[in-house]
Protein backbone atom coordinates (compact mmCIF):
# COMPACT_ATOMS: atom_id res chain seq x y z
CA MET A 1 0.02 0.03 -0.06
CA SER A 2 0.91 3.67 -0.46
CA ARG A 3 0.95 6.58 1.94
CA VAL A 4 0.69 9.81 0.19
CA HIS A 5 1.48 12.26 2.73
CA ASP A 6 3.99 15.22 2.78
CA ALA A 7 3.22 18.72 2.10
CA LEU A 8 1.84 20.25 -1.00
CA ARG A 9 3.12 23.79 -0.69
CA ARG A 10 1.88 26.69 -2.61
CA ALA A 11 4.12 27.43 -5.83
CA GLU A 12 5.07 30.94 -6.15
CA GLN A 13 3.59 32.55 -9.34
CA GLY A 14 5.68 34.33 -11.54
CA GLY A 15 7.18 34.38 -15.18
CA PRO A 16 5.86 35.56 -18.35
CA PRO A 17 2.33 34.61 -20.18
CA PRO A 18 2.07 31.19 -22.04
CA GLU A 19 2.37 32.47 -25.78
CA SER A 20 -0.52 32.05 -27.68
CA PRO A 21 -1.29 28.91 -29.72
CA GLU A 22 -0.22 28.91 -33.60
CA ALA A 23 -3.36 26.48 -33.86
CA PRO A 24 -5.31 26.16 -30.86
CA LEU A 25 -7.54 22.94 -30.38
CA GLU A 26 -11.17 23.52 -32.47
CA PRO A 27 -13.53 25.22 -30.31
CA ALA A 28 -15.64 22.17 -28.78
CA ILE A 29 -17.46 23.96 -25.99
CA GLU A 30 -17.86 27.60 -25.00
CA THR A 31 -15.26 29.38 -23.05
CA ALA A 32 -15.78 27.77 -19.22
CA SER A 33 -16.64 30.89 -16.63
CA THR A 34 -15.58 30.51 -13.18
CA GLU A 35 -17.56 29.84 -10.07
CA PHE A 36 -17.10 28.33 -6.56
CA ARG A 37 -18.79 25.19 -5.08
CA ALA A 38 -17.90 22.94 -2.11
CA ALA A 39 -16.44 19.69 -2.92
CA ALA A 40 -17.97 16.53 -1.27
CA ASP A 41 -14.96 16.49 0.99
CA GLY A 42 -15.77 19.87 1.91
CA THR A 43 -12.99 21.51 -0.02
CA LEU A 44 -13.81 25.19 -1.62
CA VAL A 45 -13.17 24.58 -5.63
CA VAL A 46 -12.72 27.07 -8.66
CA GLN A 47 -14.37 25.26 -10.82
CA PRO A 48 -15.27 26.09 -14.22
CA SER A 49 -18.97 26.25 -15.40
CA TYR A 50 -18.99 23.76 -18.56
CA PRO A 51 -21.71 23.80 -20.81
CA GLY A 52 -21.48 20.03 -20.85
CA VAL A 53 -19.54 17.30 -22.34
CA GLU A 54 -22.71 16.25 -24.34
CA SER A 55 -21.77 18.82 -26.91
CA GLY A 56 -18.38 19.53 -28.86
CA ILE A 57 -15.82 16.78 -29.51
CA LEU A 58 -15.63 15.29 -25.97
CA LYS A 59 -19.20 13.95 -26.56
CA ASP A 60 -17.29 11.96 -29.83
CA ALA A 61 -14.55 10.28 -27.43
CA VAL A 62 -14.80 6.52 -27.62
CA VAL A 63 -16.35 5.19 -24.46
CA VAL A 64 -14.68 2.53 -22.15
CA PRO A 65 -15.54 0.37 -19.36
CA PHE A 66 -13.55 0.84 -16.41
CA ARG A 67 -11.26 -2.26 -15.95
CA PRO A 68 -8.45 -2.16 -14.72
CA ALA A 69 -5.81 -4.70 -15.40
CA PRO A 70 -5.03 -7.42 -12.47
CA GLU A 71 -2.34 -6.36 -10.32
CA SER A 72 -2.96 -2.29 -11.51
CA HIS A 73 -3.33 -1.23 -8.16
CA LEU A 74 -5.88 1.44 -9.03
CA LEU A 75 -8.14 2.71 -6.76
CA ASP A 76 -11.34 0.27 -5.82
CA LEU A 77 -14.50 2.44 -6.14
CA ASN A 78 -16.54 0.24 -4.48
CA LYS A 79 -14.00 0.44 -1.14
CA VAL A 80 -14.39 4.13 -0.51
CA HIS A 81 -13.10 3.78 3.19
CA GLU A 82 -9.91 1.74 2.22
CA THR A 83 -6.77 3.38 3.10
CA PRO A 84 -5.35 4.12 -0.22
CA ALA A 85 -8.52 5.76 -1.35
CA GLU A 86 -8.38 7.93 1.56
CA GLU A 87 -4.98 8.81 1.14
CA PHE A 88 -5.67 9.65 -2.52
CA ARG A 89 -8.45 11.94 -1.43
CA THR A 90 -6.38 13.90 1.13
CA LEU A 91 -3.88 14.25 -1.72
CA ARG A 92 -6.56 15.34 -3.58
CA THR A 93 -8.38 18.19 -0.96
CA ARG A 94 -5.22 19.92 -1.05
CA LEU A 95 -4.56 20.28 -4.82
CA ASN A 96 -8.02 21.65 -5.04
CA HIS A 97 -7.55 24.08 -2.29
CA LEU A 98 -4.09 25.03 -3.80
CA GLN A 99 -6.77 25.67 -7.11
CA THR A 100 -8.45 28.28 -4.98
CA LEU A 101 -5.15 30.50 -4.40
CA GLN A 102 -3.56 30.25 -7.99
CA PRO A 103 -4.46 29.14 -11.61
CA LEU A 104 -3.80 25.68 -11.45
CA HIS A 105 -5.23 23.02 -14.23
CA THR A 106 -2.23 21.24 -14.95
CA ILE A 107 -0.23 19.07 -13.30
CA VAL A 108 3.12 17.04 -13.93
CA VAL A 109 3.61 13.87 -12.08
CA THR A 110 7.09 12.44 -11.95
CA SER A 111 10.18 11.30 -9.80
CA ALA A 112 13.44 11.49 -10.10
CA SER A 113 14.12 7.53 -11.12
CA PRO A 114 12.24 4.83 -12.51
CA ALA A 115 10.21 2.48 -10.11
CA GLU A 116 8.94 5.26 -7.45
CA GLY A 117 5.67 5.16 -7.87
CA LYS A 118 4.85 8.16 -10.05
CA THR A 119 2.20 6.43 -12.66
CA PHE A 120 0.53 4.93 -9.27
CA THR A 121 0.04 8.46 -7.98
CA ALA A 122 -0.68 9.93 -11.15
CA VAL A 123 -3.49 7.45 -12.22
CA ASN A 124 -4.84 7.63 -8.70
CA LEU A 125 -5.41 11.32 -7.91
CA ALA A 126 -7.14 11.50 -11.79
CA ILE A 127 -9.42 8.73 -10.74
CA ALA A 128 -9.85 10.51 -7.24
CA GLN A 129 -10.58 14.06 -8.74
CA SER A 130 -12.74 12.34 -11.53
CA GLN A 131 -14.97 11.19 -8.19
CA LEU A 132 -16.43 14.67 -7.76
CA ALA A 133 -19.70 15.93 -9.47
CA GLU A 134 -19.04 18.15 -12.59
CA ASN A 135 -14.81 17.75 -12.47
CA LEU A 136 -14.18 16.61 -15.95
CA VAL A 137 -10.44 14.87 -15.62
CA LEU A 138 -8.53 14.06 -17.96
CA MET A 139 -5.18 11.12 -17.41
CA GLY A 140 -2.81 12.08 -20.17
CA ASP A 141 0.28 9.40 -20.69
CA PHE A 142 3.29 11.83 -21.40
CA ASP A 143 5.72 9.05 -21.18
CA LEU A 144 6.02 8.35 -24.83
CA ARG A 145 9.24 6.23 -23.83
CA ARG A 146 7.72 3.71 -21.40
CA PRO A 147 4.19 4.36 -21.57
CA VAL A 148 1.82 2.07 -19.43
CA VAL A 149 -1.40 3.63 -18.81
CA HIS A 150 -2.95 1.98 -21.65
CA ASN A 151 -2.00 -1.30 -20.01
CA LEU A 152 -3.52 -0.22 -16.53
CA PHE A 153 -6.85 0.52 -18.25
CA GLN A 154 -6.89 -2.33 -20.48
CA ILE A 155 -7.42 -0.20 -23.48
CA ASP A 156 -5.71 0.53 -26.89
CA ARG A 157 -2.36 2.78 -26.92
CA ALA A 158 -3.29 4.14 -30.13
CA PRO A 159 -4.70 6.69 -31.48
CA GLY A 160 -3.51 8.66 -28.69
CA LEU A 161 -1.06 11.73 -27.81
CA SER A 162 1.86 11.09 -30.33
CA ASP A 163 -0.83 10.67 -33.14
CA TYR A 164 -2.67 13.74 -32.40
CA LEU A 165 0.10 16.13 -32.04
CA ALA A 166 1.68 14.81 -35.10
CA GLY A 167 -1.19 15.40 -37.01
CA ARG A 168 -2.10 11.77 -37.60
CA CYS A 169 -5.58 11.91 -35.70
CA SER A 170 -8.13 14.78 -34.40
CA PHE A 171 -8.44 15.41 -30.56
CA HIS A 172 -11.23 13.43 -29.68
CA GLU A 173 -9.98 10.68 -31.50
CA ALA A 174 -7.10 10.40 -29.16
CA LEU A 175 -9.67 10.73 -26.12
CA ARG A 176 -11.21 7.79 -24.22
CA ARG A 177 -14.15 8.56 -21.72
CA VAL A 178 -13.94 5.83 -18.76
CA GLU A 179 -17.58 4.94 -18.20
CA GLY A 180 -18.92 5.93 -15.25
CA LEU A 181 -16.70 8.58 -14.47
CA ASN A 182 -15.98 12.14 -15.16
CA LEU A 183 -12.47 10.63 -16.27
CA PHE A 184 -10.91 10.75 -19.79
CA LEU A 185 -7.81 9.07 -20.93
CA MET A 186 -5.13 10.07 -23.74
CA PRO A 187 -2.68 6.94 -23.71
CA ALA A 188 0.69 7.68 -25.33
CA GLY A 189 -0.11 6.89 -28.73
CA SER A 190 1.79 5.53 -31.44
CA PRO A 191 5.85 4.59 -30.82
CA ILE A 192 8.13 7.47 -31.69
CA LYS A 193 11.95 7.79 -32.33
CA ASN A 194 12.56 11.10 -30.36
CA PRO A 195 9.61 12.16 -28.21
CA LEU A 196 11.38 15.27 -27.29
CA GLU A 197 11.22 16.67 -30.23
CA LEU A 198 7.54 15.96 -30.87
CA LEU A 199 6.96 17.46 -26.81
CA ASN A 200 8.94 20.52 -28.08
CA THR A 201 6.55 21.55 -30.71
CA LYS A 202 3.68 24.51 -30.96
CA ALA A 203 1.49 21.97 -31.11
CA ALA A 204 2.41 20.78 -27.73
CA ARG A 205 2.37 23.86 -26.12
CA ALA A 206 -1.25 24.55 -27.58
CA LEU A 207 -2.77 21.37 -26.04
CA PHE A 208 -1.64 22.72 -22.68
CA ASP A 209 -2.74 26.09 -23.19
CA GLU A 210 -6.15 24.59 -24.54
CA LEU A 211 -6.96 21.75 -22.17
CA PRO A 212 -8.25 23.82 -18.85
CA ARG A 213 -11.45 25.40 -21.38
CA TYR A 214 -12.28 21.29 -21.55
CA PHE A 215 -10.71 19.75 -18.11
CA ASN A 216 -11.21 21.23 -14.26
CA TRP A 217 -7.83 18.74 -14.22
CA SER A 218 -5.29 17.63 -16.64
CA ILE A 219 -2.71 15.24 -14.73
CA PHE A 220 0.02 13.91 -16.82
CA ASP A 221 2.36 10.99 -16.34
CA THR A 222 6.12 11.52 -17.75
CA PRO A 223 9.58 9.82 -17.70
CA PRO A 224 12.00 10.15 -14.32
CA LEU A 225 13.53 13.18 -14.61
CA LEU A 226 16.90 12.23 -14.04
CA PHE A 227 16.51 9.87 -17.14
CA SER A 228 15.52 12.07 -19.54
CA ALA A 229 14.84 16.03 -20.63
CA ASP A 230 11.00 15.44 -21.23
CA ALA A 231 9.41 15.78 -18.05
CA ASN A 232 11.46 18.82 -17.05
CA LEU A 233 10.08 19.79 -20.47
CA LEU A 234 6.57 19.40 -19.69
CA ALA A 235 6.78 21.11 -15.98
CA THR A 236 7.81 24.36 -17.74
CA LEU A 237 4.48 24.01 -20.03
CA ALA A 238 1.93 22.75 -16.61
CA ASP A 239 0.40 25.17 -14.24
CA GLY A 240 2.35 22.80 -11.34
CA THR A 241 4.48 19.55 -10.62
CA VAL A 242 4.20 16.84 -8.23
CA LEU A 243 7.28 14.66 -7.44
CA VAL A 244 7.04 11.48 -6.43
CA VAL A 245 10.04 9.80 -4.15
CA LYS A 246 9.74 6.42 -2.76
CA ILE A 247 10.24 5.68 1.22
CA GLY A 248 13.81 3.61 1.66
CA SER A 249 14.33 3.80 -2.05
CA THR A 250 14.93 7.81 -3.49
CA THR A 251 18.16 8.85 -2.15
CA PHE A 252 18.46 12.52 -0.86
CA ASP A 253 21.03 13.04 -3.56
CA ASN A 254 18.60 12.25 -6.16
CA ILE A 255 15.65 14.25 -4.97
CA THR A 256 18.06 17.14 -4.62
CA ARG A 257 19.36 16.64 -8.14
CA ALA A 258 15.50 16.36 -9.30
CA MET A 259 14.39 19.55 -7.65
CA GLN A 260 17.17 21.53 -8.99
CA SER A 261 16.24 20.33 -12.58
CA LEU A 262 12.60 21.93 -12.05
CA CYS A 263 11.54 25.47 -11.85
CA GLU A 264 11.02 26.16 -8.12
CA ASN A 265 8.15 27.81 -8.68
CA ASN A 266 6.56 25.45 -10.27
CA VAL A 267 6.87 22.89 -7.85
CA LEU A 268 3.95 22.34 -5.63
CA GLY A 269 5.15 19.29 -3.45
CA ILE A 270 6.04 15.93 -2.79
CA VAL A 271 4.42 12.72 -2.72
CA ALA A 272 6.10 9.73 -0.51
CA ASN A 273 5.14 6.60 -1.57
CA GLY A 274 5.98 3.07 -0.12
CA ALA A 275 4.70 3.24 3.66
CA ARG A 276 4.39 0.12 5.46
CA ALA A 277 0.51 -0.81 6.05
CA SER A 278 0.89 -1.15 9.46
CA GLU A 279 1.80 2.66 9.36
CA LEU A 280 -1.52 3.45 7.45
CA TYR A 281 -3.49 1.03 9.15
CA SER A 282 -3.80 2.71 12.66
CA LYS A 283 -4.75 6.09 11.04
CA TYR A 284 -8.30 4.63 10.13
CA THR A 285 -8.72 1.76 12.54
CA TYR A 286 -10.82 4.13 14.83
CA TYR A 287 -13.02 5.75 12.38
CA TYR A 288 -13.72 2.98 10.26
CA SER A 289 -13.70 -0.50 12.78
CA LYS A 290 -16.55 0.72 14.96
CA SER A 291 -18.93 1.57 12.31
CA GLU A 292 -18.50 -0.74 9.74
């Protein structure tokens, strides 16, 4: 099991505004207006008011069942009181609070090295966010080197992100909508030789600029920071970055190097993964053992 704890601190705002996209996405729904609403967990959320997904290109996305692969470690939607679900709701609450303080709709989830839990964190955070009413969420697989999101949800890898950025498919063709959830998936797409070149294009920048028109949260899985420059580039395009570390595995030196590679005002905080189950069990025994 995983413990999602640690502080998510407010990122300092600054820097020039993003450049206007040369070829924005085809307008699918009206520009979202902003309103405040109370989430189910009591958080006050800055929620774009969408006309709905039944109009525009989002309605044309292929609908897929929520069918996690065996041993995928995705949240069990039928067991809301399990410890992992509670931890990700805590993370969701903190991010939703940050959203009331600053523009925050696109998030890169990464780690210093492989096998530290970045994909596990990104996917389950996206599922947790999508459980809030009218909270449209995109889970994008931007790890074009070793993509796994399509395997976790048992969907086709292509068409997806790489196909859209290369102009081989439309936006809605790169999407999958998970049945019964406010969750959309954008798998990695067809394999490409040099992912960094594709991500460093005007089409990629335009995508980041346009996504808040469609989704309240867009969460992206990326390659590890110390193994490629992809995550560093994507972090400069997103509103914020979450760094995942694994207890007992990630070294202090690697954390320092990873943090130094990121823009300091773009780091929201750290998620610690890999806590022992016994440490988490005691936190929730009092609340649920007596009522169940």
